[in-house]
Amino acid sequence: MCLVVVAHATAARYRFVIAANRDELHARPTRPAGWWPEPPGLLGGRDLLAGGTWLGVDKYGRIAAVTNVRDGTPREASRSRGALVTDYLGSDEPAASLAARLAAAGTGFAAFNLLLLDGAELRYASNRAPSTRLAPGVHALSNAPLGAEWPKTATAKDGATRLLASADPLEGLFELLATRSTADSAEERYRSAHFVTGPVYGTRCSTVILIDEKGTLTFAERSFDAGGSRTGEIRATFATLPQPPASTDALR
């Protein structure tokens, strides 16, 4: 179970805020967040098994985040969902163009939710639900299509909304992402806990990204072990560049 909550064009001091937990098998090999050599200008963690990433930014302040969708269909597909993020951030294609193409070409991937920010707008894309432009406000996704509210998405939205008036919401957002559950069943815990713990599967990292009104981007990521203890932290702050001219390059 993953969690992504975003505040788009609604915080007093920030044009965009994202807070996300990546939940995954602890045995899956992963590289902590850093700048990629290829595609150049991409900042994010790396899945060393399939080569993609779950969440990334580029030097222009474009952002992409992907989660899987639990719908009972097999996970096998010709391409890893992490390629959705790297393909987008390795191109200059507008979010609207990619979202529209994925409505038809997304069958090569297992079920996914995809959030795309291109500076002008925030888009949701999926191969299990209609793609849409997201209005300014606070939105949250987990492992169900947009609009299917789970306890964790409701509490994440409420918590993020309360933090938007803060001059520096970064630590508060990390605390929000660290919220755990004491529900009796594993299924209830998965659907309600922001932070998942377990010896085999759980929250591997928490990421907070802030873009202020001047275009300064702050990226912070904390990594965790199977016991839920922090094992590392990465931070980067930089001034985003003006958006490049758009194209409609095909997915590679």
Foldseek 3Di string as FASTA:
>chain_A
DKKKKKFACPFPWFRIKIKIWDKDWQPFDKAAWDADVPVGQKTGIARPVQTAGQWIAGLQGKIKGKAAAPDPDDQDFQHEPRLVGRLPRSAQADPVLVQVVCCPVVRRGHWMWMWIDNPPFIKIHTPVDHIDTDDRGMFMDHRHDGPPDFQQRVQLRVQVVVQSHDPDCVVVSVVSLQAFDPDDDPVNRVRNGSWAADQTMTTAKMWMWTQTPQQKIKIKMWGAHRHRDTDDMDIDIDRGDHRDDHDNDDRD
